[in-house]
Amino acid sequence: MQYDDQGMAQPNMPGDDDDIKAADDKEYTCYEKCLNCCGGFFGCLRAWLPCICCCCPNPFIQVKTGTIALRENFGKYKEQLGPGLHQINPWSDKIKHVNLKTQVINLHPQQIMTNDNISIRIDAVVYYRIIESRKAAYRVQNLQLSVSEKAYGALRSACGEYTMQEMLEKREEVSEKIESYIDQYVQNWGVFIESVFIKDMQLNKDLQDDMAAAAKQKRVGQSKVISAKADVESAKLLREAADYLDSKAAMQIRYLETIQGIANKQNTPKVMFLPLNVSKKKGRK
């Protein structure tokens, strides 16, 4: 953190790490050097004679895999400690553990106004991880809360650029837009946004009912069109069948079928039906 001539705190510019540089041993006062010596002495007693000097503070700390430890000496940043066992000065050193694993922020559902003035309820999740532990530890008070607040603002800004239909059709594009909006704010905190996943989108009840009614009317209209087309095709086929049955060849076929049906009947008198033109010819003779 930088200060002006009047002692007022000034914000750091991107890339300015003066407030988190490693402390120099030459900056110690006489009192601090005395505490360092005492801490080192009693720490050695605890390390070499743990049973006798059990009241002395333990000079060893363990850093787990997936985390990193920041050692502070009299409140000043000193160094980073990777996974493993490390010896510190228990009187003058303090340890801050920073989680480097991917972390999840489950955002509360938000009512968003789209570009076409439709209110939509969005449920989203943000995945992020720390890539610069010193910035994450010393540049922001509550990292997860700060990232989530930026995510809420980015969610409203990004979704306001799309219509409701685009939100439903371009969900991945909207997620990438939100991710880029958040990243431009949190990169100065040593945070990398891995992804933003939109879990659900819901419309309000009235709009859902209106859309359901519109979809129902559309299906009814489509069914009527299909039924009308079927009636037209049926009328065409009936007309073609009527034209075909009115022909002479069709009449002869029907006459022969009738004769065959009469002949197949048993124990019934047989009556021969002749075509009208044939009977007229026989009558003239």
C-alpha atoms as a PDB file:
ATOM      1  CA  MET A   1       0.000   0.000   0.000  1.00  0.00           C
ATOM      2  CA  GLN A   2       1.304   3.443  -0.887  1.00  0.00           C
ATOM      3  CA  TYR A   3       0.799   6.670   1.120  1.00  0.00           C
ATOM      4  CA  ASP A   4       0.800  10.295   0.035  1.00  0.00           C
ATOM      5  CA  ASP A   5       2.457  13.244   1.788  1.00  0.00           C
ATOM      6  CA  GLN A   6      -0.475  13.565   4.190  1.00  0.00           C
ATOM      7  CA  GLY A   7      -0.346   9.910   5.214  1.00  0.00           C
ATOM      8  CA  MET A   8      -3.475   8.883   3.272  1.00  0.00           C
ATOM      9  CA  ALA A   9      -3.519   5.400   1.769  1.00  0.00           C
ATOM     10  CA  GLN A  10      -3.457   5.256  -2.031  1.00  0.00           C
ATOM     11  CA  PRO A  11      -4.519   2.257  -4.167  1.00  0.00           C
ATOM     12  CA  ASN A  12      -1.837   0.184  -5.853  1.00  0.00           C
ATOM     13  CA  MET A  13      -1.548   0.227  -9.600  1.00  0.00           C
ATOM     14  CA  PRO A  14      -1.608  -3.076 -11.507  1.00  0.00           C
ATOM     15  CA  GLY A  15       1.780  -4.748 -11.329  1.00  0.00           C
ATOM     16  CA  ASP A  16       2.880  -2.643  -8.307  1.00  0.00           C
ATOM     17  CA  ASP A  17       3.991  -5.098  -5.604  1.00  0.00           C
ATOM     18  CA  ASP A  18       5.813  -2.651  -3.312  1.00  0.00           C
ATOM     19  CA  ASP A  19       3.447  -3.493  -0.449  1.00  0.00           C
ATOM     20  CA  ILE A  20       4.218  -7.217  -0.615  1.00  0.00           C
ATOM     21  CA  LYS A  21       7.964  -7.294  -1.135  1.00  0.00           C
ATOM     22  CA  ALA A  22      10.002  -9.561   1.117  1.00  0.00           C
ATOM     23  CA  ALA A  23      11.172  -7.774   4.267  1.00  0.00           C
ATOM     24  CA  ASP A  24      14.897  -7.065   4.622  1.00  0.00           C
ATOM     25  CA  ASP A  25      16.744  -8.288   7.700  1.00  0.00           C
ATOM     26  CA  LYS A  26      18.521  -4.928   7.938  1.00  0.00           C
ATOM     27  CA  GLU A  27      15.197  -3.267   8.778  1.00  0.00           C
ATOM     28  CA  TYR A  28      14.941  -4.999  12.182  1.00  0.00           C
ATOM     29  CA  THR A  29      15.078  -2.886  15.325  1.00  0.00           C
ATOM     30  CA  CYS A  30      16.952  -3.902  18.454  1.00  0.00           C
ATOM     31  CA  TYR A  31      13.745  -5.190  20.067  1.00  0.00           C
ATOM     32  CA  GLU A  32      12.839  -7.239  16.984  1.00  0.00           C
ATOM     33  CA  LYS A  33      16.299  -8.769  16.870  1.00  0.00           C
ATOM     34  CA  CYS A  34      15.976  -9.699  20.529  1.00  0.00           C
ATOM     35  CA  LEU A  35      12.635 -11.432  19.906  1.00  0.00           C
ATOM     36  CA  ASN A  36      14.122 -13.239  16.924  1.00  0.00           C
ATOM     37  CA  CYS A  37      16.962 -14.564  19.039  1.00  0.00           C
ATOM     38  CA  CYS A  38      14.662 -15.650  21.859  1.00  0.00           C
ATOM     39  CA  GLY A  39      12.278 -17.333  19.438  1.00  0.00           C
ATOM     40  CA  GLY A  40      15.127 -19.166  17.760  1.00  0.00           C
ATOM     41  CA  PHE A  41      16.554 -20.300  21.104  1.00  0.00           C
ATOM     42  CA  PHE A  42      13.298 -21.605  22.576  1.00  0.00           C
ATOM     43  CA  GLY A  43      12.352 -23.111  19.231  1.00  0.00           C
ATOM     44  CA  CYS A  44      15.570 -25.126  19.235  1.00  0.00           C
ATOM     45  CA  LEU A  45      14.875 -26.311  22.780  1.00  0.00           C
ATOM     46  CA  ARG A  46      11.425 -27.522  21.727  1.00  0.00           C
ATOM     47  CA  ALA A  47      12.859 -29.220  18.640  1.00  0.00           C
ATOM     48  CA  TRP A  48      15.708 -31.006  20.458  1.00  0.00           C
ATOM     49  CA  LEU A  49      14.101 -31.566  23.864  1.00  0.00           C
ATOM     50  CA  PRO A  50      10.358 -31.874  23.177  1.00  0.00           C
ATOM     51  CA  CYS A  51       9.579 -33.713  26.408  1.00  0.00           C
ATOM     52  CA  ILE A  52      11.424 -31.326  28.721  1.00  0.00           C
ATOM     53  CA  CYS A  53      10.520 -28.073  26.918  1.00  0.00           C
ATOM     54  CA  CYS A  54       6.918 -28.918  26.025  1.00  0.00           C
ATOM     55  CA  CYS A  55       5.785 -25.437  27.089  1.00  0.00           C
ATOM     56  CA  CYS A  56       7.886 -23.824  24.348  1.00  0.00           C
ATOM     57  CA  PRO A  57       6.145 -23.090  21.028  1.00  0.00           C
ATOM     58  CA  ASN A  58       6.645 -25.579  18.208  1.00  0.00           C
ATOM     59  CA  PRO A  59       9.016 -24.146  15.555  1.00  0.00           C
ATOM     60  CA  PHE A  60       7.823 -26.518  12.813  1.00  0.00           C
ATOM     61  CA  ILE A  61       4.798 -26.124  10.564  1.00  0.00           C
ATOM     62  CA  GLN A  62       3.380 -28.421   7.923  1.00  0.00           C
ATOM     63  CA  VAL A  63       2.123 -27.123   4.572  1.00  0.00           C
ATOM     64  CA  LYS A  64      -0.226 -29.481   2.741  1.00  0.00           C
ATOM     65  CA  THR A  65      -0.217 -30.205  -0.981  1.00  0.00           C
ATOM     66  CA  GLY A  66      -2.517 -27.843  -2.871  1.00  0.00           C
ATOM     67  CA  THR A  67      -1.782 -24.948  -0.535  1.00  0.00           C
ATOM     68  CA  ILE A  68       1.042 -22.497  -0.017  1.00  0.00           C
ATOM     69  CA  ALA A  69       2.122 -20.679   3.142  1.00  0.00           C
ATOM     70  CA  LEU A  70       3.155 -17.032   3.372  1.00  0.00           C
ATOM     71  CA  ARG A  71       5.568 -16.319   6.207  1.00  0.00           C
ATOM     72  CA  GLU A  72       5.304 -12.932   7.859  1.00  0.00           C
ATOM     73  CA  ASN A  73       8.003 -11.629  10.173  1.00  0.00           C
ATOM     74  CA  PHE A  74       6.712  -8.948  12.546  1.00  0.00           C
ATOM     75  CA  GLY A  75       3.759  -8.404  10.212  1.00  0.00           C
ATOM     76  CA  LYS A  76       5.923  -8.011   7.103  1.00  0.00           C
ATOM     77  CA  TYR A  77       5.866 -10.493   4.241  1.00  0.00           C
ATOM     78  CA  LYS A  78       9.010 -12.602   4.231  1.00  0.00           C
ATOM     79  CA  GLU A  79       8.729 -15.585   1.858  1.00  0.00           C
ATOM     80  CA  GLN A  80       6.562 -18.313   0.393  1.00  0.00           C
ATOM     81  CA  LEU A  81       6.684 -21.840   1.790  1.00  0.00           C
ATOM     82  CA  GLY A  82       5.706 -24.753  -0.416  1.00  0.00           C
ATOM     83  CA  PRO A  83       4.228 -28.114   0.638  1.00  0.00           C
ATOM     84  CA  GLY A  84       6.240 -29.922   3.288  1.00  0.00           C
ATOM     85  CA  LEU A  85       7.721 -29.348   6.755  1.00  0.00           C
ATOM     86  CA  HIS A  86       9.276 -25.964   7.525  1.00  0.00           C
ATOM     87  CA  GLN A  87      10.978 -24.405  10.514  1.00  0.00           C
ATOM     88  CA  ILE A  88       9.950 -20.905  11.578  1.00  0.00           C
ATOM     89  CA  ASN A  89      10.571 -18.543  14.458  1.00  0.00           C
ATOM     90  CA  PRO A  90       7.521 -19.062  16.687  1.00  0.00           C
ATOM     91  CA  TRP A  91       7.957 -15.697  18.429  1.00  0.00           C
ATOM     92  CA  SER A  92       8.231 -13.413  15.441  1.00  0.00           C
ATOM     93  CA  ASP A  93       6.751 -15.323  12.498  1.00  0.00           C
ATOM     94  CA  LYS A  94       3.105 -15.681  11.481  1.00  0.00           C
ATOM     95  CA  ILE A  95       1.839 -17.999   8.764  1.00  0.00           C
ATOM     96  CA  LYS A  96      -0.957 -17.393   6.245  1.00  0.00           C
ATOM     97  CA  HIS A  97      -2.173 -20.427   4.327  1.00  0.00           C
ATOM     98  CA  VAL A  98      -3.460 -19.842   0.787  1.00  0.00           C
ATOM     99  CA  ASN A  99      -5.562 -22.481  -0.981  1.00  0.00           C
ATOM    100  CA  LEU A 100      -4.408 -23.005  -4.576  1.00  0.00           C
ATOM    101  CA  LYS A 101      -7.117 -25.523  -5.481  1.00  0.00           C
ATOM    102  CA  THR A 102     -10.043 -24.730  -7.735  1.00  0.00           C
ATOM    103  CA  GLN A 103     -12.808 -23.200  -5.635  1.00  0.00           C
ATOM    104  CA  VAL A 104     -16.521 -22.884  -6.348  1.00  0.00           C
ATOM    105  CA  ILE A 105     -18.892 -19.984  -5.728  1.00  0.00           C
ATOM    106  CA  ASN A 106     -22.541 -20.971  -5.986  1.00  0.00           C
ATOM    107  CA  LEU A 107     -24.243 -17.694  -6.855  1.00  0.00           C
ATOM    108  CA  HIS A 108     -27.711 -17.028  -5.516  1.00  0.00           C
ATOM    109  CA  PRO A 109     -30.395 -16.954  -8.244  1.00  0.00           C
ATOM    110  CA  GLN A 110     -30.661 -13.476  -9.740  1.00  0.00           C
ATOM    111  CA  GLN A 111     -33.516 -11.697 -11.519  1.00  0.00           C
ATOM    112  CA  ILE A 112     -31.970 -10.295 -14.713  1.00  0.00           C
ATOM    113  CA  MET A 113     -33.579  -7.949 -17.240  1.00  0.00           C
ATOM    114  CA  THR A 114     -32.714  -8.969 -20.800  1.00  0.00           C
ATOM    115  CA  ASN A 115     -32.204  -6.638 -23.739  1.00  0.00           C
ATOM    116  CA  ASP A 116     -35.853  -7.065 -24.796  1.00  0.00           C
ATOM    117  CA  ASN A 117     -37.078  -6.108 -21.284  1.00  0.00           C
ATOM    118  CA  ILE A 118     -37.988  -9.608 -20.128  1.00  0.00           C
ATOM    119  CA  SER A 119     -37.259 -10.620 -16.542  1.00  0.00           C
ATOM    120  CA  ILE A 120     -35.446 -13.942 -16.282  1.00  0.00           C
ATOM    121  CA  ARG A 121     -34.146 -15.798 -13.224  1.00  0.00           C
ATOM    122  CA  ILE A 122     -30.586 -17.127 -13.632  1.00  0.00           C
ATOM    123  CA  ASP A 123     -28.777 -19.637 -11.421  1.00  0.00           C
ATOM    124  CA  ALA A 124     -25.003 -19.770 -12.054  1.00  0.00           C
ATOM    125  CA  VAL A 125     -21.756 -21.169 -10.613  1.00  0.00           C
ATOM    126  CA  VAL A 126     -18.256 -19.621 -10.788  1.00  0.00           C
ATOM    127  CA  TYR A 127     -15.074 -21.734 -10.735  1.00  0.00           C
ATOM    128  CA  TYR A 128     -11.860 -19.906  -9.859  1.00  0.00           C
ATOM    129  CA  ARG A 129      -8.393 -20.520  -8.440  1.00  0.00           C
ATOM    130  CA  ILE A 130      -5.572 -18.423  -7.021  1.00  0.00           C
ATOM    131  CA  ILE A 131      -2.502 -18.104  -9.232  1.00  0.00           C
ATOM    132  CA  GLU A 132      -0.657 -15.346  -7.331  1.00  0.00           C
ATOM    133  CA  SER A 133      -0.837 -16.043  -3.627  1.00  0.00           C
ATOM    134  CA  ARG A 134       0.668 -12.745  -2.430  1.00  0.00           C
ATOM    135  CA  LYS A 135      -1.853 -10.625  -4.333  1.00  0.00           C
ATOM    136  CA  ALA A 136      -4.734 -12.794  -3.141  1.00  0.00           C
ATOM    137  CA  ALA A 137      -3.593 -12.534   0.488  1.00  0.00           C
ATOM    138  CA  TYR A 138      -2.662  -8.860   0.682  1.00  0.00           C
ATOM    139  CA  ARG A 139      -4.738  -6.990  -1.914  1.00  0.00           C
ATOM    140  CA  VAL A 140      -8.260  -7.922  -0.860  1.00  0.00           C
ATOM    141  CA  GLN A 141      -9.878  -8.430   2.533  1.00  0.00           C
ATOM    142  CA  ASN A 142     -12.376 -11.195   1.722  1.00  0.00           C
ATOM    143  CA  LEU A 143     -11.431 -12.793  -1.575  1.00  0.00           C
ATOM    144  CA  GLN A 144     -14.416 -15.094  -2.067  1.00  0.00           C
ATOM    145  CA  LEU A 145     -16.936 -12.395  -1.170  1.00  0.00           C
ATOM    146  CA  SER A 146     -15.219  -9.911  -3.494  1.00  0.00           C
ATOM    147  CA  VAL A 147     -15.181 -12.370  -6.409  1.00  0.00           C
ATOM    148  CA  SER A 148     -18.852 -13.237  -5.864  1.00  0.00           C
ATOM    149  CA  GLU A 149     -19.862  -9.549  -5.828  1.00  0.00           C
ATOM    150  CA  LYS A 150     -17.987  -8.963  -9.083  1.00  0.00           C
ATOM    151  CA  ALA A 151     -19.708 -12.051 -10.498  1.00  0.00           C
ATOM    152  CA  TYR A 152     -23.149 -10.642  -9.664  1.00  0.00           C
ATOM    153  CA  GLY A 153     -22.343  -7.388 -11.441  1.00  0.00           C
ATOM    154  CA  ALA A 154     -20.884  -9.184 -14.459  1.00  0.00           C
ATOM    155  CA  LEU A 155     -23.961 -11.421 -14.622  1.00  0.00           C
ATOM    156  CA  ARG A 156     -26.284  -8.430 -14.892  1.00  0.00           C
ATOM    157  CA  SER A 157     -24.078  -6.565 -17.373  1.00  0.00           C
ATOM    158  CA  ALA A 158     -23.474  -9.505 -19.717  1.00  0.00           C
ATOM    159  CA  CYS A 159     -27.038 -10.840 -19.733  1.00  0.00           C
ATOM    160  CA  GLY A 160     -28.430  -7.358 -20.369  1.00  0.00           C
ATOM    161  CA  GLU A 161     -26.789  -7.415 -23.797  1.00  0.00           C
ATOM    162  CA  TYR A 162     -28.815 -10.426 -25.010  1.00  0.00           C
ATOM    163  CA  THR A 163     -32.479 -11.007 -25.735  1.00  0.00           C
ATOM    164  CA  MET A 164     -34.373 -13.793 -24.024  1.00  0.00           C
ATOM    165  CA  GLN A 165     -34.233 -15.999 -27.129  1.00  0.00           C
ATOM    166  CA  GLU A 166     -30.479 -15.448 -27.450  1.00  0.00           C
ATOM    167  CA  MET A 167     -30.025 -16.315 -23.780  1.00  0.00           C
ATOM    168  CA  LEU A 168     -31.738 -19.645 -24.337  1.00  0.00           C
ATOM    169  CA  GLU A 169     -29.937 -20.447 -27.583  1.00  0.00           C
ATOM    170  CA  LYS A 170     -26.429 -19.108 -26.806  1.00  0.00           C
ATOM    171  CA  ARG A 171     -25.872 -20.258 -23.247  1.00  0.00           C
ATOM    172  CA  GLU A 172     -22.168 -21.067 -23.753  1.00  0.00           C
ATOM    173  CA  GLU A 173     -21.505 -17.693 -25.373  1.00  0.00           C
ATOM    174  CA  VAL A 174     -23.231 -15.925 -22.488  1.00  0.00           C
ATOM    175  CA  SER A 175     -21.123 -17.899 -19.991  1.00  0.00           C
ATOM    176  CA  GLU A 176     -17.903 -16.894 -21.757  1.00  0.00           C
ATOM    177  CA  LYS A 177     -19.046 -13.264 -21.765  1.00  0.00           C
ATOM    178  CA  ILE A 178     -19.671 -13.348 -18.018  1.00  0.00           C
ATOM    179  CA  GLU A 179     -16.298 -15.021 -17.477  1.00  0.00           C
ATOM    180  CA  SER A 180     -14.454 -12.284 -19.387  1.00  0.00           C
ATOM    181  CA  TYR A 181     -16.324  -9.574 -17.437  1.00  0.00           C
ATOM    182  CA  ILE A 182     -15.303 -11.075 -14.081  1.00  0.00           C
ATOM    183  CA  ASP A 183     -11.718 -11.759 -15.144  1.00  0.00           C
ATOM    184  CA  GLN A 184     -10.976  -8.147 -16.022  1.00  0.00           C
ATOM    185  CA  TYR A 185     -11.816  -7.147 -12.429  1.00  0.00           C
ATOM    186  CA  VAL A 186     -10.212  -9.952 -10.407  1.00  0.00           C
ATOM    187  CA  GLN A 187      -6.936 -10.488 -12.268  1.00  0.00           C
ATOM    188  CA  ASN A 188      -5.304  -7.779 -10.112  1.00  0.00           C
ATOM    189  CA  TRP A 189      -6.108  -9.942  -7.067  1.00  0.00           C
ATOM    190  CA  GLY A 190      -4.099 -12.887  -8.387  1.00  0.00           C
ATOM    191  CA  VAL A 191      -7.248 -14.824  -9.302  1.00  0.00           C
ATOM    192  CA  PHE A 192      -7.938 -16.773 -12.496  1.00  0.00           C
ATOM    193  CA  ILE A 193     -11.552 -17.464 -13.512  1.00  0.00           C
ATOM    194  CA  GLU A 194     -11.669 -20.989 -14.932  1.00  0.00           C
ATOM    195  CA  SER A 195     -15.296 -21.043 -16.022  1.00  0.00           C
ATOM    196  CA  VAL A 196     -18.803 -19.771 -15.384  1.00  0.00           C
ATOM    197  CA  PHE A 197     -21.582 -22.343 -15.679  1.00  0.00           C
ATOM    198  CA  ILE A 198     -25.231 -21.309 -16.024  1.00  0.00           C
ATOM    199  CA  LYS A 199     -27.195 -24.038 -14.285  1.00  0.00           C
ATOM    200  CA  ASP A 200     -30.722 -22.868 -14.926  1.00  0.00           C
ATOM    201  CA  MET A 201     -32.814 -20.122 -16.526  1.00  0.00           C
ATOM    202  CA  GLN A 202     -36.402 -19.571 -15.450  1.00  0.00           C
ATOM    203  CA  LEU A 203     -39.083 -17.177 -16.610  1.00  0.00           C
ATOM    204  CA  ASN A 204     -41.726 -15.764 -14.295  1.00  0.00           C
ATOM    205  CA  LYS A 205     -45.014 -17.659 -13.940  1.00  0.00           C
ATOM    206  CA  ASP A 206     -47.140 -15.338 -16.098  1.00  0.00           C
ATOM    207  CA  LEU A 207     -44.646 -15.395 -18.954  1.00  0.00           C
ATOM    208  CA  GLN A 208     -44.383 -19.178 -18.742  1.00  0.00           C
ATOM    209  CA  ASP A 209     -48.176 -19.478 -18.997  1.00  0.00           C
ATOM    210  CA  ASP A 210     -48.259 -17.108 -21.983  1.00  0.00           C
ATOM    211  CA  MET A 211     -45.515 -19.032 -23.778  1.00  0.00           C
ATOM    212  CA  ALA A 212     -47.252 -22.347 -23.049  1.00  0.00           C
ATOM    213  CA  ALA A 213     -50.530 -20.981 -24.434  1.00  0.00           C
ATOM    214  CA  ALA A 214     -48.761 -19.658 -27.534  1.00  0.00           C
ATOM    215  CA  ALA A 215     -47.078 -23.020 -28.089  1.00  0.00           C
ATOM    216  CA  LYS A 216     -50.436 -24.786 -27.696  1.00  0.00           C
ATOM    217  CA  GLN A 217     -52.102 -22.483 -30.235  1.00  0.00           C
ATOM    218  CA  LYS A 218     -49.227 -23.068 -32.616  1.00  0.00           C
ATOM    219  CA  ARG A 219     -49.633 -26.843 -32.321  1.00  0.00           C
ATOM    220  CA  VAL A 220     -53.399 -26.544 -32.873  1.00  0.00           C
ATOM    221  CA  GLY A 221     -52.816 -24.426 -35.977  1.00  0.00           C
ATOM    222  CA  GLN A 222     -50.293 -26.913 -37.325  1.00  0.00           C
ATOM    223  CA  SER A 223     -52.710 -29.806 -36.759  1.00  0.00           C
ATOM    224  CA  LYS A 224     -55.453 -27.920 -38.637  1.00  0.00           C
ATOM    225  CA  VAL A 225     -53.120 -27.292 -41.557  1.00  0.00           C
ATOM    226  CA  ILE A 226     -52.176 -30.969 -41.655  1.00  0.00           C
ATOM    227  CA  SER A 227     -55.855 -32.000 -41.495  1.00  0.00           C
ATOM    228  CA  ALA A 228     -56.766 -29.579 -44.307  1.00  0.00           C
ATOM    229  CA  LYS A 229     -53.956 -30.914 -46.488  1.00  0.00           C
ATOM    230  CA  ALA A 230     -55.166 -34.458 -45.824  1.00  0.00           C
ATOM    231  CA  ASP A 231     -58.741 -33.482 -46.824  1.00  0.00           C
ATOM    232  CA  VAL A 232     -57.464 -31.954 -50.070  1.00  0.00           C
ATOM    233  CA  GLU A 233     -55.464 -35.065 -50.903  1.00  0.00           C
ATOM    234  CA  SER A 234     -58.447 -37.276 -50.046  1.00  0.00           C
ATOM    235  CA  ALA A 235     -60.754 -35.218 -52.302  1.00  0.00           C
ATOM    236  CA  LYS A 236     -58.266 -35.494 -55.150  1.00  0.00           C
ATOM    237  CA  LEU A 237     -58.076 -39.266 -54.764  1.00  0.00           C
ATOM    238  CA  LEU A 238     -61.868 -39.595 -54.612  1.00  0.00           C
ATOM    239  CA  ARG A 239     -62.225 -37.499 -57.756  1.00  0.00           C
ATOM    240  CA  GLU A 240     -59.688 -39.617 -59.582  1.00  0.00           C
ATOM    241  CA  ALA A 241     -61.444 -42.791 -58.402  1.00  0.00           C
ATOM    242  CA  ALA A 242     -64.834 -41.488 -59.582  1.00  0.00           C
ATOM    243  CA  ASP A 243     -63.430 -40.596 -62.991  1.00  0.00           C
ATOM    244  CA  TYR A 244     -61.874 -44.028 -63.265  1.00  0.00           C
ATOM    245  CA  LEU A 245     -65.078 -45.867 -62.250  1.00  0.00           C
ATOM    246  CA  ASP A 246     -67.122 -43.979 -64.863  1.00  0.00           C
ATOM    247  CA  SER A 247     -65.039 -45.430 -67.699  1.00  0.00           C
ATOM    248  CA  LYS A 248     -66.224 -48.397 -69.860  1.00  0.00           C
ATOM    249  CA  ALA A 249     -63.389 -50.630 -68.787  1.00  0.00           C
ATOM    250  CA  ALA A 250     -64.297 -50.140 -65.141  1.00  0.00           C
ATOM    251  CA  MET A 251     -67.949 -50.945 -65.846  1.00  0.00           C
ATOM    252  CA  GLN A 252     -66.980 -54.183 -67.584  1.00  0.00           C
ATOM    253  CA  ILE A 253     -64.780 -55.194 -64.654  1.00  0.00           C
ATOM    254  CA  ARG A 254     -67.598 -54.542 -62.207  1.00  0.00           C
ATOM    255  CA  TYR A 255     -70.016 -56.524 -64.460  1.00  0.00           C
ATOM    256  CA  LEU A 256     -67.682 -59.523 -64.525  1.00  0.00           C
ATOM    257  CA  GLU A 257     -67.190 -59.390 -60.761  1.00  0.00           C
ATOM    258  CA  THR A 258     -70.967 -59.380 -60.275  1.00  0.00           C
ATOM    259  CA  ILE A 259     -71.433 -62.395 -62.616  1.00  0.00           C
ATOM    260  CA  GLN A 260     -68.684 -64.280 -60.793  1.00  0.00           C
ATOM    261  CA  GLY A 261     -70.305 -63.593 -57.431  1.00  0.00           C
ATOM    262  CA  ILE A 262     -73.690 -64.901 -58.650  1.00  0.00           C
ATOM    263  CA  ALA A 263     -72.135 -68.012 -60.155  1.00  0.00           C
ATOM    264  CA  ASN A 264     -70.386 -68.900 -56.905  1.00  0.00           C
ATOM    265  CA  LYS A 265     -73.682 -69.021 -54.999  1.00  0.00           C
ATOM    266  CA  GLN A 266     -75.136 -72.528 -54.651  1.00  0.00           C
ATOM    267  CA  ASN A 267     -78.791 -73.696 -54.694  1.00  0.00           C
ATOM    268  CA  THR A 268     -80.000 -70.405 -56.059  1.00  0.00           C
ATOM    269  CA  PRO A 269     -81.586 -69.709 -59.432  1.00  0.00           C
ATOM    270  CA  LYS A 270     -79.117 -68.282 -61.878  1.00  0.00           C
ATOM    271  CA  VAL A 271     -80.132 -65.150 -63.711  1.00  0.00           C
ATOM    272  CA  MET A 272     -77.950 -63.830 -66.493  1.00  0.00           C
ATOM    273  CA  PHE A 273     -77.618 -60.075 -66.687  1.00  0.00           C
ATOM    274  CA  LEU A 274     -76.508 -58.743 -70.018  1.00  0.00           C
ATOM    275  CA  PRO A 275     -75.268 -55.281 -70.678  1.00  0.00           C
ATOM    276  CA  LEU A 276     -77.889 -52.892 -71.978  1.00  0.00           C
ATOM    277  CA  ASN A 277     -76.295 -52.515 -75.375  1.00  0.00           C
ATOM    278  CA  VAL A 278     -76.101 -56.305 -75.840  1.00  0.00           C
ATOM    279  CA  SER A 279     -79.769 -56.833 -74.879  1.00  0.00           C
ATOM    280  CA  LYS A 280     -80.865 -54.158 -77.337  1.00  0.00           C
ATOM    281  CA  LYS A 281     -78.964 -55.864 -80.137  1.00  0.00           C
ATOM    282  CA  LYS A 282     -80.604 -59.228 -79.331  1.00  0.00           C
ATOM    283  CA  GLY A 283     -84.070 -57.614 -79.281  1.00  0.00           C
ATOM    284  CA  ARG A 284     -83.586 -56.187 -82.774  1.00  0.00           C
ATOM    285  CA  LYS A 285     -82.729 -59.577 -84.113  1.00  0.00           C
END
